[in-house]
Amino acid sequence: MNCSEYLVDYLINHGVTDVFGYAGGYIVPFMDALYKRKDEIRTHVCYNEQGCAFAAVGYARMSGKIGVYFTTSGPGAVNGLSGLADAWFDSFPIIGICGNVPTNEMKGYSGIRQNGFQEMDLISMTRNISKYSVTANTSAGFPEIVSRAFNMANLGRKGGVIIDFPLDIQQADIIDR
């Protein structure tokens, strides 16, 4: 099972029935995993990423369940930040799953603006409007990231979390430690 399949399985097993998203090249493996389970979890395609995030907030508000949205990298991920901020201020549990460039293309601490196409330092941008924001850098730690994200969104005063999900990690097999 790869990380995208694991994440979809986790969402289904934790009562998520609907996700909201906008297609892009750096989130395709996750979208493929959703499609494989389309009889168990519905994908609602929105007109833009901002709409996806707000739809997840509305879903959380109306259903009492965790809202989930997905975007691609860079500007796509940034477009969802208004909805993330809304979840933060109004205390609704949502998870943003944002595709990103492969880990070997990430700039890291090099001091350059970007290395990969449309790479964005999403963690720095979301730190003050999320309860938890993390980049999944390896498949070995991915189950813990997913569990923590889901728990943090619902723990205490609810709010949004971000999983920055690089393309290579989406496709990587889960490694048992």
N, C-alpha and C. Protein backbone atom coordinates (compact mmCIF):
# COMPACT_ATOMS: atom_id res chain seq x y z
N MET A 1 0.85 -1.17 0.00
CA MET A 1 0.00 0.00 0.00
C MET A 1 0.90 1.24 0.00
N ASN A 2 0.60 2.17 -0.90
CA ASN A 2 1.39 3.40 -0.89
C ASN A 2 0.76 4.42 0.05
N CYS A 3 1.44 5.54 0.23
CA CYS A 3 0.98 6.54 1.21
C CYS A 3 -0.37 7.14 0.83
N SER A 4 -0.61 7.36 -0.45
CA SER A 4 -1.91 7.89 -0.87
C SER A 4 -3.03 6.92 -0.54
N GLU A 5 -2.80 5.64 -0.84
CA GLU A 5 -3.80 4.62 -0.53
C GLU A 5 -4.02 4.51 0.97
N TYR A 6 -2.93 4.61 1.73
CA TYR A 6 -3.03 4.56 3.19
C TYR A 6 -3.90 5.72 3.70
N LEU A 7 -3.65 6.91 3.19
CA LEU A 7 -4.40 8.08 3.65
C LEU A 7 -5.89 7.94 3.34
N VAL A 8 -6.22 7.50 2.14
CA VAL A 8 -7.63 7.30 1.79
C VAL A 8 -8.25 6.24 2.69
N ASP A 9 -7.54 5.15 2.91
CA ASP A 9 -8.03 4.10 3.80
C ASP A 9 -8.26 4.64 5.21
N TYR A 10 -7.34 5.43 5.70
CA TYR A 10 -7.46 6.02 7.04
C TYR A 10 -8.70 6.92 7.12
N LEU A 11 -8.88 7.76 6.12
CA LEU A 11 -10.04 8.65 6.11
C LEU A 11 -11.34 7.86 6.15
N ILE A 12 -11.44 6.84 5.30
CA ILE A 12 -12.65 6.01 5.27
C ILE A 12 -12.88 5.34 6.61
N ASN A 13 -11.83 4.77 7.17
CA ASN A 13 -11.96 4.07 8.46
C ASN A 13 -12.28 5.00 9.62
N HIS A 14 -12.10 6.32 9.42
CA HIS A 14 -12.41 7.29 10.48
C HIS A 14 -13.63 8.13 10.14
N GLY A 15 -14.49 7.59 9.30
CA GLY A 15 -15.80 8.18 9.07
C GLY A 15 -15.90 9.30 8.05
N VAL A 16 -14.83 9.58 7.32
CA VAL A 16 -14.90 10.62 6.30
C VAL A 16 -15.60 10.03 5.08
N THR A 17 -16.66 10.69 4.66
CA THR A 17 -17.43 10.19 3.52
C THR A 17 -17.30 11.08 2.29
N ASP A 18 -16.82 12.32 2.47
CA ASP A 18 -16.73 13.28 1.38
C ASP A 18 -15.43 14.06 1.49
N VAL A 19 -14.81 14.31 0.34
CA VAL A 19 -13.63 15.18 0.27
C VAL A 19 -13.85 16.17 -0.87
N PHE A 20 -13.17 17.30 -0.77
CA PHE A 20 -13.36 18.39 -1.73
C PHE A 20 -12.00 18.73 -2.31
N GLY A 21 -11.92 18.84 -3.64
CA GLY A 21 -10.61 19.08 -4.19
C GLY A 21 -10.61 19.69 -5.57
N TYR A 22 -9.41 20.04 -5.98
CA TYR A 22 -9.16 20.62 -7.28
C TYR A 22 -7.92 19.94 -7.84
N ALA A 23 -8.04 19.42 -9.05
CA ALA A 23 -6.97 18.63 -9.65
C ALA A 23 -5.73 19.46 -9.98
N GLY A 24 -4.60 18.80 -9.91
CA GLY A 24 -3.33 19.39 -10.29
C GLY A 24 -2.29 18.30 -10.36
N GLY A 25 -1.23 18.53 -11.08
CA GLY A 25 -0.23 17.51 -11.33
C GLY A 25 0.42 16.91 -10.10
N TYR A 26 0.56 17.70 -9.03
CA TYR A 26 1.27 17.22 -7.86
C TYR A 26 0.37 16.60 -6.79
N ILE A 27 -0.88 16.30 -7.15
CA ILE A 27 -1.78 15.61 -6.22
C ILE A 27 -2.44 14.40 -6.90
N VAL A 28 -2.01 14.07 -8.10
CA VAL A 28 -2.62 12.99 -8.88
C VAL A 28 -2.58 11.62 -8.18
N PRO A 29 -1.48 11.19 -7.56
CA PRO A 29 -1.52 9.88 -6.90
C PRO A 29 -2.59 9.79 -5.80
N PHE A 30 -2.77 10.87 -5.06
CA PHE A 30 -3.83 10.87 -4.04
C PHE A 30 -5.20 10.80 -4.71
N MET A 31 -5.39 11.53 -5.80
CA MET A 31 -6.66 11.48 -6.52
C MET A 31 -6.92 10.08 -7.08
N ASP A 32 -5.88 9.42 -7.57
CA ASP A 32 -6.03 8.04 -8.06
C ASP A 32 -6.48 7.11 -6.93
N ALA A 33 -5.92 7.30 -5.75
CA ALA A 33 -6.29 6.48 -4.60
C ALA A 33 -7.75 6.72 -4.21
N LEU A 34 -8.19 7.97 -4.29
CA LEU A 34 -9.60 8.28 -4.03
C LEU A 34 -10.50 7.59 -5.05
N TYR A 35 -10.09 7.63 -6.31
CA TYR A 35 -10.91 7.03 -7.37
C TYR A 35 -11.07 5.52 -7.17
N LYS A 36 -10.02 4.87 -6.72
CA LYS A 36 -10.10 3.43 -6.48
C LYS A 36 -11.12 3.07 -5.41
N ARG A 37 -11.42 4.02 -4.53
CA ARG A 37 -12.37 3.78 -3.43
C ARG A 37 -13.63 4.64 -3.58
N LYS A 38 -13.97 4.99 -4.82
CA LYS A 38 -15.07 5.92 -5.07
C LYS A 38 -16.42 5.44 -4.56
N ASP A 39 -16.58 4.15 -4.32
CA ASP A 39 -17.83 3.65 -3.76
C ASP A 39 -17.91 3.85 -2.25
N GLU A 40 -16.78 4.24 -1.64
CA GLU A 40 -16.73 4.41 -0.18
C GLU A 40 -16.52 5.84 0.26
N ILE A 41 -16.01 6.67 -0.62
CA ILE A 41 -15.74 8.08 -0.29
C ILE A 41 -15.97 8.91 -1.55
N ARG A 42 -16.77 9.95 -1.41
CA ARG A 42 -17.12 10.79 -2.55
C ARG A 42 -16.14 11.94 -2.69
N THR A 43 -15.74 12.19 -3.94
CA THR A 43 -14.87 13.33 -4.24
C THR A 43 -15.71 14.39 -4.93
N HIS A 44 -15.71 15.59 -4.38
CA HIS A 44 -16.42 16.72 -4.96
C HIS A 44 -15.38 17.66 -5.55
N VAL A 45 -15.41 17.83 -6.85
CA VAL A 45 -14.46 18.70 -7.53
C VAL A 45 -15.03 20.12 -7.53
N CYS A 46 -14.25 21.05 -7.04
CA CYS A 46 -14.67 22.45 -6.94
C CYS A 46 -14.06 23.25 -8.09
N TYR A 47 -14.53 24.47 -8.27
CA TYR A 47 -14.02 25.32 -9.34
C TYR A 47 -12.65 25.90 -9.06
N ASN A 48 -12.29 25.98 -7.78
CA ASN A 48 -10.96 26.48 -7.42
C ASN A 48 -10.61 25.98 -6.03
N GLU A 49 -9.34 26.12 -5.67
CA GLU A 49 -8.84 25.59 -4.40
C GLU A 49 -9.45 26.30 -3.19
N GLN A 50 -9.69 27.58 -3.30
CA GLN A 50 -10.31 28.31 -2.20
C GLN A 50 -11.69 27.73 -1.90
N GLY A 51 -12.44 27.44 -2.96
CA GLY A 51 -13.75 26.83 -2.80
C GLY A 51 -13.67 25.47 -2.13
N CYS A 52 -12.62 24.71 -2.42
CA CYS A 52 -12.44 23.39 -1.80
C CYS A 52 -12.29 23.52 -0.29
N ALA A 53 -11.45 24.44 0.12
CA ALA A 53 -11.20 24.61 1.55
C ALA A 53 -12.46 25.10 2.26
N PHE A 54 -13.16 26.04 1.65
CA PHE A 54 -14.40 26.52 2.27
C PHE A 54 -15.47 25.44 2.28
N ALA A 55 -15.51 24.60 1.25
CA ALA A 55 -16.46 23.48 1.24
C ALA A 55 -16.16 22.51 2.38
N ALA A 56 -14.87 22.27 2.65
CA ALA A 56 -14.50 21.39 3.77
C ALA A 56 -14.93 21.99 5.09
N VAL A 57 -14.80 23.32 5.23
CA VAL A 57 -15.26 23.99 6.46
C VAL A 57 -16.78 23.86 6.57
N GLY A 58 -17.49 24.11 5.49
CA GLY A 58 -18.94 23.99 5.51
C GLY A 58 -19.40 22.58 5.84
N TYR A 59 -18.69 21.60 5.29
CA TYR A 59 -18.99 20.19 5.58
C TYR A 59 -18.79 19.90 7.06
N ALA A 60 -17.68 20.37 7.62
CA ALA A 60 -17.41 20.15 9.05
C ALA A 60 -18.47 20.85 9.90
N ARG A 61 -18.83 22.04 9.51
CA ARG A 61 -19.83 22.83 10.24
C ARG A 61 -21.18 22.12 10.24
N MET A 62 -21.60 21.61 9.10
CA MET A 62 -22.93 21.02 8.98
C MET A 62 -23.01 19.57 9.44
N SER A 63 -21.94 18.80 9.23
CA SER A 63 -22.00 17.36 9.53
C SER A 63 -21.46 17.00 10.92
N GLY A 64 -20.63 17.87 11.47
CA GLY A 64 -19.97 17.54 12.73
C GLY A 64 -18.78 16.61 12.53
N LYS A 65 -18.50 16.26 11.29
CA LYS A 65 -17.35 15.40 10.96
C LYS A 65 -16.17 16.28 10.53
N ILE A 66 -15.03 15.65 10.39
CA ILE A 66 -13.86 16.38 9.91
C ILE A 66 -14.02 16.65 8.41
N GLY A 67 -13.71 17.86 8.00
CA GLY A 67 -13.73 18.21 6.59
C GLY A 67 -12.37 18.00 5.98
N VAL A 68 -12.32 17.54 4.75
CA VAL A 68 -11.05 17.26 4.08
C VAL A 68 -11.07 17.92 2.70
N TYR A 69 -9.99 18.62 2.39
CA TYR A 69 -9.83 19.16 1.04
C TYR A 69 -8.43 18.84 0.54
N PHE A 70 -8.28 18.86 -0.80
CA PHE A 70 -6.96 18.63 -1.39
C PHE A 70 -6.70 19.64 -2.50
N THR A 71 -5.42 19.96 -2.66
CA THR A 71 -4.97 20.88 -3.70
C THR A 71 -3.64 20.38 -4.25
N THR A 72 -3.21 21.00 -5.29
CA THR A 72 -1.88 20.73 -5.82
C THR A 72 -0.89 21.69 -5.15
N SER A 73 0.31 21.74 -5.67
CA SER A 73 1.39 22.51 -5.03
C SER A 73 1.28 24.00 -5.31
N GLY A 74 2.18 24.73 -4.67
CA GLY A 74 2.41 26.15 -4.94
C GLY A 74 1.18 27.02 -4.80
N PRO A 75 0.86 27.80 -5.85
CA PRO A 75 -0.29 28.69 -5.78
C PRO A 75 -1.59 27.95 -5.48
N GLY A 76 -1.70 26.71 -5.94
CA GLY A 76 -2.90 25.92 -5.63
C GLY A 76 -3.07 25.72 -4.14
N ALA A 77 -1.98 25.38 -3.47
CA ALA A 77 -2.04 25.18 -2.02
C ALA A 77 -2.32 26.50 -1.30
N VAL A 78 -1.71 27.58 -1.78
CA VAL A 78 -1.90 28.89 -1.16
C VAL A 78 -3.36 29.34 -1.31
N ASN A 79 -3.99 29.01 -2.41
CA ASN A 79 -5.38 29.41 -2.61
C ASN A 79 -6.32 28.83 -1.55
N GLY A 80 -5.95 27.73 -0.93
CA GLY A 80 -6.78 27.14 0.11
C GLY A 80 -6.62 27.76 1.49
N LEU A 81 -5.70 28.69 1.64
CA LEU A 81 -5.40 29.22 2.96
C LEU A 81 -6.52 30.06 3.57
N SER A 82 -7.37 30.68 2.76
CA SER A 82 -8.50 31.43 3.33
C SER A 82 -9.44 30.49 4.08
N GLY A 83 -9.71 29.32 3.50
CA GLY A 83 -10.55 28.33 4.18
C GLY A 83 -9.89 27.78 5.43
N LEU A 84 -8.58 27.58 5.36
CA LEU A 84 -7.84 27.11 6.54
C LEU A 84 -7.94 28.14 7.66
N ALA A 85 -7.80 29.42 7.32
CA ALA A 85 -7.92 30.48 8.32
C ALA A 85 -9.33 30.51 8.91
N ASP A 86 -10.35 30.30 8.08
CA ASP A 86 -11.72 30.26 8.56
C ASP A 86 -11.90 29.13 9.57
N ALA A 87 -11.35 27.95 9.27
CA ALA A 87 -11.43 26.82 10.20
C ALA A 87 -10.73 27.15 11.51
N TRP A 88 -9.62 27.86 11.42
CA TRP A 88 -8.85 28.27 12.60
C TRP A 88 -9.67 29.22 13.48
N PHE A 89 -10.21 30.25 12.88
CA PHE A 89 -10.94 31.26 13.65
C PHE A 89 -12.27 30.75 14.18
N ASP A 90 -12.97 29.92 13.39
CA ASP A 90 -14.29 29.45 13.80
C ASP A 90 -14.27 28.06 14.43
N SER A 91 -13.09 27.48 14.59
CA SER A 91 -12.90 26.21 15.31
C SER A 91 -13.63 25.03 14.68
N PHE A 92 -13.41 24.84 13.39
CA PHE A 92 -13.95 23.67 12.71
C PHE A 92 -12.80 22.76 12.27
N PRO A 93 -12.95 21.45 12.48
CA PRO A 93 -11.86 20.52 12.15
C PRO A 93 -11.79 20.22 10.65
N ILE A 94 -10.70 20.60 10.04
CA ILE A 94 -10.47 20.26 8.63
C ILE A 94 -9.03 19.80 8.45
N ILE A 95 -8.82 19.02 7.41
CA ILE A 95 -7.48 18.63 7.00
C ILE A 95 -7.29 19.06 5.55
N GLY A 96 -6.24 19.82 5.32
CA GLY A 96 -5.83 20.18 3.97
C GLY A 96 -4.71 19.27 3.53
N ILE A 97 -4.90 18.60 2.43
CA ILE A 97 -3.88 17.71 1.86
C ILE A 97 -3.36 18.39 0.61
N CYS A 98 -2.13 18.85 0.68
CA CYS A 98 -1.57 19.67 -0.38
C CYS A 98 -0.40 18.97 -1.05
N GLY A 99 -0.54 18.70 -2.32
CA GLY A 99 0.55 18.11 -3.08
C GLY A 99 1.74 19.05 -3.10
N ASN A 100 2.90 18.50 -3.34
CA ASN A 100 4.10 19.32 -3.45
C ASN A 100 5.08 18.61 -4.39
N VAL A 101 6.14 19.30 -4.72
CA VAL A 101 7.18 18.73 -5.58
C VAL A 101 7.81 17.53 -4.88
N PRO A 102 8.45 16.63 -5.62
CA PRO A 102 9.16 15.52 -4.96
C PRO A 102 10.20 16.04 -3.98
N THR A 103 10.47 15.24 -2.95
CA THR A 103 11.40 15.68 -1.90
C THR A 103 12.79 16.02 -2.43
N ASN A 104 13.24 15.34 -3.49
CA ASN A 104 14.58 15.64 -4.01
C ASN A 104 14.63 16.97 -4.77
N GLU A 105 13.47 17.58 -5.03
CA GLU A 105 13.43 18.88 -5.68
C GLU A 105 13.18 20.02 -4.69
N MET A 106 12.96 19.68 -3.42
CA MET A 106 12.68 20.72 -2.43
C MET A 106 13.95 21.51 -2.13
N LYS A 107 13.77 22.81 -1.91
CA LYS A 107 14.91 23.68 -1.68
C LYS A 107 15.56 23.47 -0.33
N GLY A 108 14.78 22.98 0.65
CA GLY A 108 15.32 22.80 1.99
C GLY A 108 15.79 24.12 2.57
N TYR A 109 16.98 24.12 3.12
CA TYR A 109 17.53 25.32 3.76
C TYR A 109 18.60 25.98 2.89
N SER A 110 18.46 25.85 1.58
CA SER A 110 19.49 26.34 0.67
C SER A 110 19.53 27.85 0.54
N GLY A 111 18.46 28.53 0.92
CA GLY A 111 18.44 29.97 0.79
C GLY A 111 17.92 30.46 -0.56
N ILE A 112 17.67 29.55 -1.50
CA ILE A 112 17.12 29.98 -2.78
C ILE A 112 15.60 30.11 -2.67
N ARG A 113 15.02 30.80 -3.61
CA ARG A 113 13.57 31.04 -3.59
C ARG A 113 12.79 29.74 -3.76
N GLN A 114 13.15 28.96 -4.76
CA GLN A 114 12.51 27.68 -5.00
C GLN A 114 13.45 26.83 -5.84
N ASN A 115 13.27 25.54 -5.76
CA ASN A 115 14.03 24.63 -6.59
C ASN A 115 13.08 23.93 -7.56
N GLY A 116 12.04 23.29 -7.03
CA GLY A 116 11.07 22.59 -7.87
C GLY A 116 10.01 23.54 -8.41
N PHE A 117 9.35 23.12 -9.50
CA PHE A 117 8.31 23.91 -10.13
C PHE A 117 7.16 24.16 -9.16
N GLN A 118 6.84 25.40 -8.94
CA GLN A 118 5.77 25.84 -8.04
C GLN A 118 5.93 25.32 -6.62
N GLU A 119 7.16 25.14 -6.20
CA GLU A 119 7.42 24.76 -4.81
C GLU A 119 7.08 25.93 -3.90
N MET A 120 6.45 25.63 -2.77
CA MET A 120 6.05 26.66 -1.83
C MET A 120 6.34 26.16 -0.42
N ASP A 121 6.86 27.04 0.42
CA ASP A 121 7.08 26.69 1.82
C ASP A 121 5.76 26.85 2.56
N LEU A 122 4.91 25.86 2.40
CA LEU A 122 3.57 25.89 2.96
C LEU A 122 3.57 25.87 4.48
N ILE A 123 4.54 25.22 5.06
CA ILE A 123 4.58 25.11 6.52
C ILE A 123 4.76 26.49 7.15
N SER A 124 5.67 27.29 6.65
CA SER A 124 5.85 28.64 7.18
C SER A 124 4.60 29.49 7.01
N MET A 125 3.92 29.30 5.89
CA MET A 125 2.74 30.10 5.60
C MET A 125 1.54 29.71 6.46
N THR A 126 1.49 28.48 6.93
CA THR A 126 0.30 28.00 7.66
C THR A 126 0.50 27.89 9.16
N ARG A 127 1.68 28.10 9.63
CA ARG A 127 1.98 27.91 11.04
C ARG A 127 1.05 28.69 11.97
N ASN A 128 0.67 29.91 11.59
CA ASN A 128 -0.14 30.75 12.47
C ASN A 128 -1.64 30.63 12.25
N ILE A 129 -2.07 29.79 11.30
CA ILE A 129 -3.50 29.61 11.05
C ILE A 129 -3.88 28.13 11.03
N SER A 130 -3.05 27.31 11.65
CA SER A 130 -3.36 25.88 11.72
C SER A 130 -2.92 25.33 13.08
N LYS A 131 -3.53 24.24 13.45
CA LYS A 131 -3.14 23.59 14.69
C LYS A 131 -1.91 22.72 14.49
N TYR A 132 -1.68 22.30 13.26
CA TYR A 132 -0.57 21.39 12.96
C TYR A 132 -0.33 21.48 11.47
N SER A 133 0.89 21.72 11.08
CA SER A 133 1.25 21.70 9.66
C SER A 133 2.58 20.99 9.54
N VAL A 134 2.62 20.04 8.62
CA VAL A 134 3.78 19.16 8.52
C VAL A 134 4.01 18.75 7.07
N THR A 135 5.27 18.61 6.72
CA THR A 135 5.64 18.03 5.44
C THR A 135 5.96 16.56 5.67
N ALA A 136 5.34 15.70 4.90
CA ALA A 136 5.61 14.27 4.97
C ALA A 136 6.88 14.00 4.16
N ASN A 137 8.01 13.88 4.84
CA ASN A 137 9.29 13.72 4.16
C ASN A 137 9.68 12.28 3.87
N THR A 138 9.07 11.33 4.59
CA THR A 138 9.37 9.92 4.36
C THR A 138 8.08 9.11 4.48
N SER A 139 8.07 7.96 3.85
CA SER A 139 6.90 7.08 3.99
C SER A 139 6.94 6.35 5.33
N ALA A 140 8.11 6.21 5.91
CA ALA A 140 8.22 5.49 7.19
C ALA A 140 7.43 6.18 8.30
N GLY A 141 7.41 7.49 8.32
CA GLY A 141 6.70 8.21 9.37
C GLY A 141 5.30 8.65 8.99
N PHE A 142 4.87 8.27 7.81
CA PHE A 142 3.59 8.77 7.32
C PHE A 142 2.38 8.36 8.16
N PRO A 143 2.26 7.12 8.61
CA PRO A 143 1.10 6.78 9.44
C PRO A 143 0.98 7.64 10.70
N GLU A 144 2.11 7.96 11.31
CA GLU A 144 2.08 8.81 12.50
C GLU A 144 1.63 10.23 12.17
N ILE A 145 2.06 10.74 11.02
CA ILE A 145 1.66 12.08 10.58
C ILE A 145 0.15 12.13 10.39
N VAL A 146 -0.40 11.14 9.72
CA VAL A 146 -1.83 11.11 9.45
C VAL A 146 -2.62 11.02 10.75
N SER A 147 -2.22 10.14 11.63
CA SER A 147 -2.91 9.99 12.90
C SER A 147 -2.86 11.28 13.72
N ARG A 148 -1.70 11.89 13.78
CA ARG A 148 -1.55 13.14 14.54
C ARG A 148 -2.39 14.26 13.92
N ALA A 149 -2.39 14.35 12.61
CA ALA A 149 -3.17 15.40 11.94
C ALA A 149 -4.65 15.24 12.26
N PHE A 150 -5.16 14.03 12.14
CA PHE A 150 -6.57 13.77 12.40
C PHE A 150 -6.90 14.10 13.86
N ASN A 151 -6.04 13.66 14.78
CA ASN A 151 -6.28 13.92 16.19
C ASN A 151 -6.18 15.40 16.53
N MET A 152 -5.19 16.10 15.97
CA MET A 152 -5.01 17.52 16.27
C MET A 152 -6.19 18.35 15.79
N ALA A 153 -6.75 18.01 14.64
CA ALA A 153 -7.89 18.76 14.11
C ALA A 153 -9.08 18.70 15.07
N ASN A 154 -9.22 17.56 15.76
CA ASN A 154 -10.37 17.34 16.64
C ASN A 154 -10.09 17.59 18.12
N LEU A 155 -8.84 17.76 18.49
CA LEU A 155 -8.45 17.86 19.89
C LEU A 155 -8.73 19.25 20.45
N GLY A 156 -9.37 19.31 21.62
CA GLY A 156 -9.60 20.60 22.28
C GLY A 156 -10.37 21.54 21.40
N ARG A 157 -9.88 22.77 21.28
CA ARG A 157 -10.51 23.72 20.35
C ARG A 157 -10.15 23.29 18.93
N LYS A 158 -11.14 22.87 18.19
CA LYS A 158 -10.91 22.30 16.86
C LYS A 158 -10.34 23.34 15.91
N GLY A 159 -9.77 22.83 14.83
CA GLY A 159 -9.20 23.73 13.83
C GLY A 159 -8.61 22.95 12.68
N GLY A 160 -8.00 23.67 11.77
CA GLY A 160 -7.45 23.08 10.57
C GLY A 160 -6.02 22.61 10.73
N VAL A 161 -5.68 21.60 9.94
CA VAL A 161 -4.32 21.10 9.87
C VAL A 161 -3.94 20.96 8.39
N ILE A 162 -2.66 20.95 8.13
CA ILE A 162 -2.14 20.82 6.77
C ILE A 162 -1.15 19.67 6.71
N ILE A 163 -1.34 18.81 5.72
CA ILE A 163 -0.34 17.80 5.38
C ILE A 163 0.23 18.19 4.03
N ASP A 164 1.48 18.62 4.02
CA ASP A 164 2.22 18.93 2.81
C ASP A 164 2.72 17.59 2.28
N PHE A 165 2.24 17.17 1.11
CA PHE A 165 2.35 15.78 0.65
C PHE A 165 3.15 15.71 -0.66
N PRO A 166 4.48 15.62 -0.59
CA PRO A 166 5.30 15.58 -1.80
C PRO A 166 4.94 14.41 -2.71
N LEU A 167 5.09 14.64 -4.00
CA LEU A 167 4.71 13.67 -5.02
C LEU A 167 5.34 12.30 -4.80
N ASP A 168 6.62 12.24 -4.50
CA ASP A 168 7.28 10.95 -4.33
C ASP A 168 6.78 10.21 -3.09
N ILE A 169 6.41 10.94 -2.06
CA ILE A 169 5.89 10.30 -0.85
C ILE A 169 4.47 9.78 -1.10
N GLN A 170 3.69 10.49 -1.89
CA GLN A 170 2.35 10.00 -2.24
C GLN A 170 2.43 8.62 -2.89
N GLN A 171 3.48 8.39 -3.68
CA GLN A 171 3.62 7.14 -4.41
C GLN A 171 4.43 6.08 -3.67
N ALA A 172 5.08 6.47 -2.60
CA ALA A 172 5.97 5.54 -1.88
C ALA A 172 5.17 4.54 -1.05
N ASP A 173 5.68 3.33 -0.99
CA ASP A 173 5.06 2.31 -0.17
C ASP A 173 5.27 2.63 1.31
N ILE A 174 4.26 2.28 2.10
CA ILE A 174 4.38 2.41 3.54
C ILE A 174 5.43 1.43 4.02
N ILE A 175 6.36 1.90 4.81
CA ILE A 175 7.44 1.06 5.34
C ILE A 175 7.20 0.86 6.82
N ASP A 176 7.09 -0.38 7.25
CA ASP A 176 6.95 -0.68 8.68
C ASP A 176 8.29 -0.48 9.34
N ARG A 177 8.26 0.14 10.51
CA ARG A 177 9.51 0.33 11.24
C ARG A 177 9.70 -0.77 12.22
